């Protein structure tokens, strides 16, 4: 799930790209899967300027890292950053 300014606005799947149109000014974005969430990224939308963001999981294919990220440090499993 994709949350823009704390409101759910849609879904994104693995290897998928989505395009969002936002109003000018400061916004925050967070990605959530089940009980885990990413960091909250704050970005500034300016006139005639595209902002590219990337999201994913930090654990990769490592099963130990994935287990730890999904259980003990669950809010560190996902990330969202400027691309």
N, C-alpha and C. Protein backbone atom coordinates (compact mmCIF):
# COMPACT_ATOMS: atom_id res chain seq x y z
N UNK A 1 0.84 -1.18 0.00
CA UNK A 1 0.00 0.00 0.00
C UNK A 1 0.89 1.25 0.00
N UNK A 2 0.44 2.25 -0.70
CA UNK A 2 1.15 3.51 -0.78
C UNK A 2 0.34 4.56 -0.03
N UNK A 3 0.99 5.26 0.89
CA UNK A 3 0.34 6.31 1.67
C UNK A 3 0.99 7.64 1.34
N UNK A 4 0.20 8.58 0.87
CA UNK A 4 0.65 9.94 0.59
C UNK A 4 0.00 10.86 1.60
N UNK A 5 0.81 11.59 2.32
CA UNK A 5 0.30 12.49 3.37
C UNK A 5 -0.65 11.74 4.31
N UNK A 6 -0.25 10.54 4.69
CA UNK A 6 -0.95 9.68 5.67
C UNK A 6 -2.27 9.11 5.17
N UNK A 7 -2.56 9.24 3.88
CA UNK A 7 -3.80 8.68 3.32
C UNK A 7 -3.42 7.62 2.29
N UNK A 8 -4.10 6.47 2.37
CA UNK A 8 -3.83 5.41 1.41
C UNK A 8 -4.31 5.85 0.03
N UNK A 9 -3.40 5.79 -0.96
CA UNK A 9 -3.76 6.26 -2.30
C UNK A 9 -3.65 5.17 -3.36
N UNK A 10 -3.14 4.01 -3.00
CA UNK A 10 -3.04 2.95 -4.00
C UNK A 10 -2.13 1.83 -3.58
N UNK A 11 -1.88 0.96 -4.54
CA UNK A 11 -1.03 -0.21 -4.34
C UNK A 11 0.11 -0.20 -5.33
N UNK A 12 1.21 -0.80 -4.93
CA UNK A 12 2.33 -1.00 -5.84
C UNK A 12 2.83 -2.43 -5.62
N UNK A 13 3.14 -3.10 -6.72
CA UNK A 13 3.63 -4.48 -6.66
C UNK A 13 5.10 -4.52 -7.03
N UNK A 14 5.72 -5.66 -6.79
CA UNK A 14 7.13 -5.85 -7.12
C UNK A 14 7.35 -5.56 -8.61
N UNK A 15 8.42 -4.84 -8.90
CA UNK A 15 8.81 -4.48 -10.26
C UNK A 15 7.78 -3.62 -10.98
N UNK A 16 6.93 -2.95 -10.23
CA UNK A 16 5.91 -2.09 -10.83
C UNK A 16 6.30 -0.63 -10.64
N UNK A 17 5.88 0.19 -11.56
CA UNK A 17 6.06 1.63 -11.47
C UNK A 17 4.68 2.27 -11.46
N UNK A 18 4.51 3.25 -10.59
CA UNK A 18 3.25 4.00 -10.60
C UNK A 18 3.59 5.48 -10.74
N UNK A 19 2.65 6.22 -11.29
CA UNK A 19 2.83 7.66 -11.46
C UNK A 19 1.74 8.36 -10.65
N UNK A 20 2.15 9.31 -9.84
CA UNK A 20 1.22 10.05 -9.00
C UNK A 20 1.29 11.52 -9.36
N UNK A 21 0.16 12.16 -9.36
CA UNK A 21 0.13 13.60 -9.52
C UNK A 21 -0.25 14.19 -8.16
N UNK A 22 0.57 15.13 -7.71
CA UNK A 22 0.35 15.74 -6.40
C UNK A 22 0.31 17.25 -6.54
N UNK A 23 -0.25 17.89 -5.55
CA UNK A 23 -0.25 19.35 -5.53
C UNK A 23 1.14 19.85 -5.21
N UNK A 24 1.40 21.09 -5.53
CA UNK A 24 2.70 21.68 -5.22
C UNK A 24 2.88 21.77 -3.72
N UNK A 25 4.13 21.66 -3.29
CA UNK A 25 4.44 21.81 -1.88
C UNK A 25 4.99 20.54 -1.26
N UNK A 26 5.03 20.53 0.06
CA UNK A 26 5.63 19.42 0.80
C UNK A 26 4.65 18.26 0.98
N UNK A 27 5.16 17.06 0.80
CA UNK A 27 4.36 15.85 0.95
C UNK A 27 5.18 14.78 1.66
N UNK A 28 4.49 13.78 2.21
CA UNK A 28 5.18 12.64 2.79
C UNK A 28 4.64 11.37 2.15
N UNK A 29 5.52 10.38 2.04
CA UNK A 29 5.11 9.10 1.45
C UNK A 29 5.67 7.96 2.28
N UNK A 30 4.85 6.93 2.46
CA UNK A 30 5.22 5.73 3.21
C UNK A 30 4.67 4.53 2.45
N UNK A 31 5.39 3.43 2.51
CA UNK A 31 4.97 2.18 1.89
C UNK A 31 4.71 1.17 3.01
N UNK A 32 3.62 0.41 2.90
CA UNK A 32 3.30 -0.58 3.93
C UNK A 32 2.92 -1.91 3.29
N UNK A 33 3.38 -2.99 3.93
CA UNK A 33 2.97 -4.36 3.60
C UNK A 33 2.60 -5.02 4.91
N UNK A 34 1.37 -5.48 5.01
CA UNK A 34 0.89 -6.14 6.23
C UNK A 34 1.21 -5.29 7.45
N UNK A 35 2.02 -5.80 8.36
CA UNK A 35 2.33 -5.10 9.61
C UNK A 35 3.65 -4.35 9.55
N UNK A 36 4.29 -4.30 8.39
CA UNK A 36 5.56 -3.60 8.28
C UNK A 36 5.39 -2.31 7.48
N UNK A 37 6.26 -1.36 7.74
CA UNK A 37 6.19 -0.12 6.97
C UNK A 37 7.59 0.41 6.72
N UNK A 38 7.68 1.27 5.74
CA UNK A 38 8.95 1.91 5.41
C UNK A 38 9.14 3.14 6.28
N UNK A 39 10.28 3.76 6.09
CA UNK A 39 10.48 5.09 6.62
C UNK A 39 9.47 6.02 5.94
N UNK A 40 9.24 7.16 6.53
CA UNK A 40 8.40 8.18 5.90
C UNK A 40 9.34 9.18 5.23
N UNK A 41 9.18 9.34 3.95
CA UNK A 41 10.01 10.26 3.19
C UNK A 41 9.23 11.54 2.93
N UNK A 42 9.84 12.66 3.25
CA UNK A 42 9.23 13.96 2.97
C UNK A 42 9.91 14.53 1.74
N UNK A 43 9.10 14.99 0.79
CA UNK A 43 9.65 15.57 -0.44
C UNK A 43 8.85 16.81 -0.81
N UNK A 44 9.44 17.63 -1.67
CA UNK A 44 8.82 18.88 -2.07
C UNK A 44 8.49 18.82 -3.56
N UNK A 45 7.23 18.98 -3.91
CA UNK A 45 6.80 18.99 -5.31
C UNK A 45 6.85 20.44 -5.81
N UNK A 46 7.59 20.61 -6.89
CA UNK A 46 7.77 21.95 -7.47
C UNK A 46 7.17 21.99 -8.87
N UNK A 47 6.87 23.19 -9.35
CA UNK A 47 6.28 23.31 -10.69
C UNK A 47 7.18 22.71 -11.77
N UNK A 48 6.57 21.97 -12.67
CA UNK A 48 7.24 21.41 -13.84
C UNK A 48 8.51 20.63 -13.49
N UNK A 49 8.50 19.93 -12.35
CA UNK A 49 9.64 19.11 -11.97
C UNK A 49 9.13 17.75 -11.51
N UNK A 50 9.62 16.69 -12.14
CA UNK A 50 9.25 15.34 -11.71
C UNK A 50 10.10 14.92 -10.52
N UNK A 51 9.50 14.19 -9.62
CA UNK A 51 10.21 13.63 -8.47
C UNK A 51 10.14 12.12 -8.63
N UNK A 52 11.28 11.47 -8.60
CA UNK A 52 11.34 10.01 -8.75
C UNK A 52 11.70 9.39 -7.41
N UNK A 53 10.90 8.42 -7.01
CA UNK A 53 11.13 7.72 -5.75
C UNK A 53 11.32 6.24 -6.02
N UNK A 54 12.04 5.59 -5.15
CA UNK A 54 12.26 4.15 -5.25
C UNK A 54 11.88 3.52 -3.92
N UNK A 55 11.24 2.36 -3.99
CA UNK A 55 10.93 1.62 -2.76
C UNK A 55 11.30 0.16 -2.95
N UNK A 56 11.49 -0.52 -1.85
CA UNK A 56 11.85 -1.94 -1.91
C UNK A 56 12.04 -2.49 -0.53
N UNK A 57 12.59 -3.70 -0.45
CA UNK A 57 12.89 -4.28 0.85
C UNK A 57 14.38 -4.34 1.05
N UNK A 58 14.80 -4.18 2.29
CA UNK A 58 16.22 -4.14 2.63
C UNK A 58 16.81 -5.53 2.79
N UNK A 59 15.98 -6.54 2.95
CA UNK A 59 16.48 -7.88 3.26
C UNK A 59 16.95 -8.63 2.02
N UNK A 60 16.48 -8.24 0.85
CA UNK A 60 16.82 -8.99 -0.36
C UNK A 60 16.31 -10.41 -0.28
N UNK A 61 17.11 -11.35 -0.73
CA UNK A 61 16.69 -12.76 -0.72
C UNK A 61 17.25 -13.51 0.48
N UNK A 62 17.94 -12.83 1.38
CA UNK A 62 18.54 -13.48 2.54
C UNK A 62 17.45 -13.85 3.54
N UNK A 63 17.21 -15.15 3.80
CA UNK A 63 16.10 -15.55 4.68
C UNK A 63 16.29 -15.12 6.13
N UNK A 64 17.52 -15.07 6.61
CA UNK A 64 17.76 -14.63 7.99
C UNK A 64 17.43 -13.15 8.15
N UNK A 65 17.93 -12.35 7.22
CA UNK A 65 17.64 -10.91 7.26
C UNK A 65 16.14 -10.67 7.11
N UNK A 66 15.50 -11.44 6.24
CA UNK A 66 14.06 -11.27 6.03
C UNK A 66 13.29 -11.61 7.31
N UNK A 67 13.66 -12.70 7.98
CA UNK A 67 12.99 -13.08 9.23
C UNK A 67 13.15 -11.98 10.27
N UNK A 68 14.38 -11.50 10.46
CA UNK A 68 14.62 -10.44 11.44
C UNK A 68 13.85 -9.17 11.09
N UNK A 69 13.86 -8.82 9.82
CA UNK A 69 13.18 -7.59 9.39
C UNK A 69 11.67 -7.69 9.54
N UNK A 70 11.13 -8.88 9.38
CA UNK A 70 9.67 -9.05 9.48
C UNK A 70 9.19 -9.27 10.90
N UNK A 71 10.09 -9.57 11.83
CA UNK A 71 9.67 -9.86 13.20
C UNK A 71 10.23 -8.86 14.21
N UNK A 72 11.51 -8.84 14.36
CA UNK A 72 12.13 -8.04 15.43
C UNK A 72 12.23 -6.56 15.08
N UNK A 73 12.71 -6.27 13.91
CA UNK A 73 12.88 -4.86 13.49
C UNK A 73 11.98 -4.58 12.30
N UNK A 74 10.71 -4.83 12.47
CA UNK A 74 9.76 -4.83 11.36
C UNK A 74 9.65 -3.52 10.60
N UNK A 75 9.94 -2.40 11.24
CA UNK A 75 9.84 -1.12 10.51
C UNK A 75 11.12 -0.79 9.75
N UNK A 76 12.01 -1.79 9.63
CA UNK A 76 13.21 -1.58 8.82
C UNK A 76 13.23 -2.50 7.61
N UNK A 77 12.16 -3.22 7.36
CA UNK A 77 12.09 -4.15 6.24
C UNK A 77 11.99 -3.42 4.90
N UNK A 78 11.16 -2.39 4.84
CA UNK A 78 10.94 -1.62 3.61
C UNK A 78 11.67 -0.30 3.64
N UNK A 79 11.93 0.24 2.46
CA UNK A 79 12.50 1.58 2.38
C UNK A 79 11.83 2.34 1.26
N UNK A 80 11.86 3.65 1.37
CA UNK A 80 11.48 4.55 0.27
C UNK A 80 12.51 5.67 0.27
N UNK A 81 13.02 6.00 -0.93
CA UNK A 81 14.05 7.03 -1.03
C UNK A 81 13.91 7.76 -2.36
N UNK A 82 14.56 8.92 -2.44
CA UNK A 82 14.63 9.64 -3.71
C UNK A 82 15.51 8.84 -4.65
N UNK A 83 15.10 8.75 -5.88
CA UNK A 83 15.85 7.95 -6.85
C UNK A 83 16.69 8.83 -7.73
